């Protein structure tokens, strides 16, 4: 069921929903080790990047139940799990054609075919 759903959504992303689909990238530093009290940071041990595509700028306006920390300008992203090259994490910043957006909340559909992600615009 999951594979069939992802296949149908990918086809829709390529055809019927192509004008609504956007791509994103995320680059982030990986911290680990002992906390440095002098600099108030953890040491950087590497970096990671991932990318994907989906319907990134949906709205929560019609949803009867909104996330607890919902703000009016938040966007709802629906991305196929098999098209994202890594698992998104809260506080990741996605670079998109419409600017930078921070991942505020992450959910999944019942068959784990898609991520439903709450995005919040960052910067000016």
C-alpha atoms as a PDB file:
ATOM      1  CA  UNK A   1       0.000   0.000   0.000  1.00  0.00           C
ATOM      2  CA  UNK A   2       2.819   2.409   0.907  1.00  0.00           C
ATOM      3  CA  UNK A   3       4.678   1.819  -2.371  1.00  0.00           C
ATOM      4  CA  UNK A   4       1.489   2.231  -4.392  1.00  0.00           C
ATOM      5  CA  UNK A   5       0.620   5.486  -2.615  1.00  0.00           C
ATOM      6  CA  UNK A   6       4.125   6.890  -3.118  1.00  0.00           C
ATOM      7  CA  UNK A   7       4.074   5.891  -6.780  1.00  0.00           C
ATOM      8  CA  UNK A   8       0.719   7.602  -7.374  1.00  0.00           C
ATOM      9  CA  UNK A   9       1.773  10.756  -5.518  1.00  0.00           C
ATOM     10  CA  UNK A  10       5.094  10.923  -7.387  1.00  0.00           C
ATOM     11  CA  UNK A  11       3.184  10.704 -10.676  1.00  0.00           C
ATOM     12  CA  UNK A  12       0.859  13.495  -9.498  1.00  0.00           C
ATOM     13  CA  UNK A  13       3.878  15.595  -8.451  1.00  0.00           C
ATOM     14  CA  UNK A  14       5.264  15.158 -11.989  1.00  0.00           C
ATOM     15  CA  UNK A  15       1.990  15.901 -13.792  1.00  0.00           C
ATOM     16  CA  UNK A  16      -1.187  17.245 -12.152  1.00  0.00           C
ATOM     17  CA  UNK A  17       0.513  18.952  -9.198  1.00  0.00           C
ATOM     18  CA  UNK A  18       3.705  19.994 -11.008  1.00  0.00           C
ATOM     19  CA  UNK A  19       2.911  23.706 -10.672  1.00  0.00           C
ATOM     20  CA  UNK A  20       2.451  23.335  -6.887  1.00  0.00           C
ATOM     21  CA  UNK A  21       5.606  21.271  -6.272  1.00  0.00           C
ATOM     22  CA  UNK A  22       8.767  22.965  -4.999  1.00  0.00           C
ATOM     23  CA  UNK A  23      12.202  21.620  -4.149  1.00  0.00           C
ATOM     24  CA  UNK A  24      14.195  22.305  -0.997  1.00  0.00           C
ATOM     25  CA  UNK A  25      17.668  21.741   0.376  1.00  0.00           C
ATOM     26  CA  UNK A  26      18.955  21.714   3.935  1.00  0.00           C
ATOM     27  CA  UNK A  27      22.538  21.968   5.152  1.00  0.00           C
ATOM     28  CA  UNK A  28      23.292  21.681   8.843  1.00  0.00           C
ATOM     29  CA  UNK A  29      26.233  21.234  11.178  1.00  0.00           C
ATOM     30  CA  UNK A  30      26.556  18.114  13.341  1.00  0.00           C
ATOM     31  CA  UNK A  31      27.557  18.780  16.954  1.00  0.00           C
ATOM     32  CA  UNK A  32      28.922  16.197  19.383  1.00  0.00           C
ATOM     33  CA  UNK A  33      31.258  15.764  22.317  1.00  0.00           C
ATOM     34  CA  UNK A  34      31.869  17.734  25.487  1.00  0.00           C
ATOM     35  CA  UNK A  35      30.208  21.111  25.974  1.00  0.00           C
ATOM     36  CA  UNK A  36      32.741  23.974  25.869  1.00  0.00           C
ATOM     37  CA  UNK A  37      31.764  26.327  28.697  1.00  0.00           C
ATOM     38  CA  UNK A  38      34.125  29.020  27.453  1.00  0.00           C
ATOM     39  CA  UNK A  39      32.491  29.325  24.026  1.00  0.00           C
ATOM     40  CA  UNK A  40      29.086  27.986  25.174  1.00  0.00           C
ATOM     41  CA  UNK A  41      28.992  25.526  22.269  1.00  0.00           C
ATOM     42  CA  UNK A  42      29.475  21.884  21.390  1.00  0.00           C
ATOM     43  CA  UNK A  43      32.265  20.986  18.949  1.00  0.00           C
ATOM     44  CA  UNK A  44      31.299  20.635  15.290  1.00  0.00           C
ATOM     45  CA  UNK A  45      32.134  17.122  14.078  1.00  0.00           C
ATOM     46  CA  UNK A  46      30.796  17.386  10.539  1.00  0.00           C
ATOM     47  CA  UNK A  47      27.947  18.510   8.412  1.00  0.00           C
ATOM     48  CA  UNK A  48      24.989  16.939   6.682  1.00  0.00           C
ATOM     49  CA  UNK A  49      22.802  17.962   3.809  1.00  0.00           C
ATOM     50  CA  UNK A  50      19.605  16.616   2.339  1.00  0.00           C
ATOM     51  CA  UNK A  51      17.046  17.605  -0.242  1.00  0.00           C
ATOM     52  CA  UNK A  52      13.618  16.721  -1.516  1.00  0.00           C
ATOM     53  CA  UNK A  53      10.480  17.988  -3.149  1.00  0.00           C
ATOM     54  CA  UNK A  54       6.839  18.310  -2.306  1.00  0.00           C
ATOM     55  CA  UNK A  55       3.892  20.634  -1.958  1.00  0.00           C
ATOM     56  CA  UNK A  56       5.675  23.008   0.422  1.00  0.00           C
ATOM     57  CA  UNK A  57       3.394  25.967   0.835  1.00  0.00           C
ATOM     58  CA  UNK A  58       0.030  24.537   1.788  1.00  0.00           C
ATOM     59  CA  UNK A  59      -2.184  26.252   4.337  1.00  0.00           C
ATOM     60  CA  UNK A  60      -3.618  25.325   7.723  1.00  0.00           C
ATOM     61  CA  UNK A  61      -6.596  27.683   7.233  1.00  0.00           C
ATOM     62  CA  UNK A  62      -9.118  24.934   6.471  1.00  0.00           C
ATOM     63  CA  UNK A  63      -7.812  22.472   9.065  1.00  0.00           C
ATOM     64  CA  UNK A  64     -10.147  22.152  12.024  1.00  0.00           C
ATOM     65  CA  UNK A  65      -7.296  21.038  14.270  1.00  0.00           C
ATOM     66  CA  UNK A  66      -4.164  23.153  14.018  1.00  0.00           C
ATOM     67  CA  UNK A  67      -0.751  22.492  15.617  1.00  0.00           C
ATOM     68  CA  UNK A  68      -0.434  23.772  19.201  1.00  0.00           C
ATOM     69  CA  UNK A  69       2.220  26.340  18.254  1.00  0.00           C
ATOM     70  CA  UNK A  70       0.512  27.393  15.019  1.00  0.00           C
ATOM     71  CA  UNK A  71       1.076  30.923  13.705  1.00  0.00           C
ATOM     72  CA  UNK A  72      -0.992  32.453  10.907  1.00  0.00           C
ATOM     73  CA  UNK A  73       1.941  32.644   8.485  1.00  0.00           C
ATOM     74  CA  UNK A  74       2.980  28.988   8.951  1.00  0.00           C
ATOM     75  CA  UNK A  75       2.958  26.755   5.880  1.00  0.00           C
ATOM     76  CA  UNK A  76       2.170  23.063   5.634  1.00  0.00           C
ATOM     77  CA  UNK A  77       4.518  20.913   3.538  1.00  0.00           C
ATOM     78  CA  UNK A  78       3.636  17.461   2.249  1.00  0.00           C
ATOM     79  CA  UNK A  79       6.669  15.543   0.991  1.00  0.00           C
ATOM     80  CA  UNK A  80       7.126  11.929  -0.061  1.00  0.00           C
ATOM     81  CA  UNK A  81       9.348  10.092   2.407  1.00  0.00           C
ATOM     82  CA  UNK A  82      11.073   8.168  -0.382  1.00  0.00           C
ATOM     83  CA  UNK A  83      12.029  11.437  -2.140  1.00  0.00           C
ATOM     84  CA  UNK A  84      13.711  13.068   0.878  1.00  0.00           C
ATOM     85  CA  UNK A  85      17.365  12.061   1.146  1.00  0.00           C
ATOM     86  CA  UNK A  86      17.389  12.182   4.992  1.00  0.00           C
ATOM     87  CA  UNK A  87      14.843  12.392   7.793  1.00  0.00           C
ATOM     88  CA  UNK A  88      13.980  16.052   8.510  1.00  0.00           C
ATOM     89  CA  UNK A  89      14.497  17.240  12.087  1.00  0.00           C
ATOM     90  CA  UNK A  90      12.855  20.038  14.071  1.00  0.00           C
ATOM     91  CA  UNK A  91      14.801  23.328  13.690  1.00  0.00           C
ATOM     92  CA  UNK A  92      16.262  22.338  10.299  1.00  0.00           C
ATOM     93  CA  UNK A  93      16.192  25.280   7.887  1.00  0.00           C
ATOM     94  CA  UNK A  94      14.987  24.526   4.377  1.00  0.00           C
ATOM     95  CA  UNK A  95      16.193  26.711   1.518  1.00  0.00           C
ATOM     96  CA  UNK A  96      13.406  27.062  -1.063  1.00  0.00           C
ATOM     97  CA  UNK A  97      12.527  29.244  -4.028  1.00  0.00           C
ATOM     98  CA  UNK A  98      10.374  31.357  -1.668  1.00  0.00           C
ATOM     99  CA  UNK A  99      13.038  31.855   0.987  1.00  0.00           C
ATOM    100  CA  UNK A 100      14.229  30.029   4.096  1.00  0.00           C
ATOM    101  CA  UNK A 101      11.810  28.105   6.308  1.00  0.00           C
ATOM    102  CA  UNK A 102      12.403  26.429   9.683  1.00  0.00           C
ATOM    103  CA  UNK A 103      10.906  23.003  10.399  1.00  0.00           C
ATOM    104  CA  UNK A 104       8.636  23.529  13.418  1.00  0.00           C
ATOM    105  CA  UNK A 105       6.808  20.203  13.581  1.00  0.00           C
ATOM    106  CA  UNK A 106       6.975  16.863  11.758  1.00  0.00           C
ATOM    107  CA  UNK A 107       4.251  14.277  11.317  1.00  0.00           C
ATOM    108  CA  UNK A 108       3.590  11.313   9.089  1.00  0.00           C
ATOM    109  CA  UNK A 109       0.579   9.718   7.467  1.00  0.00           C
ATOM    110  CA  UNK A 110      -0.624   6.332   8.820  1.00  0.00           C
ATOM    111  CA  UNK A 111       1.303   4.269   6.235  1.00  0.00           C
ATOM    112  CA  UNK A 112       4.516   6.361   6.490  1.00  0.00           C
ATOM    113  CA  UNK A 113       4.418   7.375   2.819  1.00  0.00           C
ATOM    114  CA  UNK A 114       4.539  11.135   3.397  1.00  0.00           C
ATOM    115  CA  UNK A 115       5.804  13.625   5.937  1.00  0.00           C
ATOM    116  CA  UNK A 116       3.466  16.442   6.942  1.00  0.00           C
ATOM    117  CA  UNK A 117       5.718  19.275   8.076  1.00  0.00           C
ATOM    118  CA  UNK A 118       4.931  22.627   9.671  1.00  0.00           C
ATOM    119  CA  UNK A 119       7.216  25.321   8.231  1.00  0.00           C
ATOM    120  CA  UNK A 120       7.834  28.841   9.528  1.00  0.00           C
ATOM    121  CA  UNK A 121       9.481  31.618   7.496  1.00  0.00           C
ATOM    122  CA  UNK A 122      12.843  32.752   8.899  1.00  0.00           C
ATOM    123  CA  UNK A 123      14.736  35.937   8.200  1.00  0.00           C
ATOM    124  CA  UNK A 124      13.397  39.071   6.606  1.00  0.00           C
END
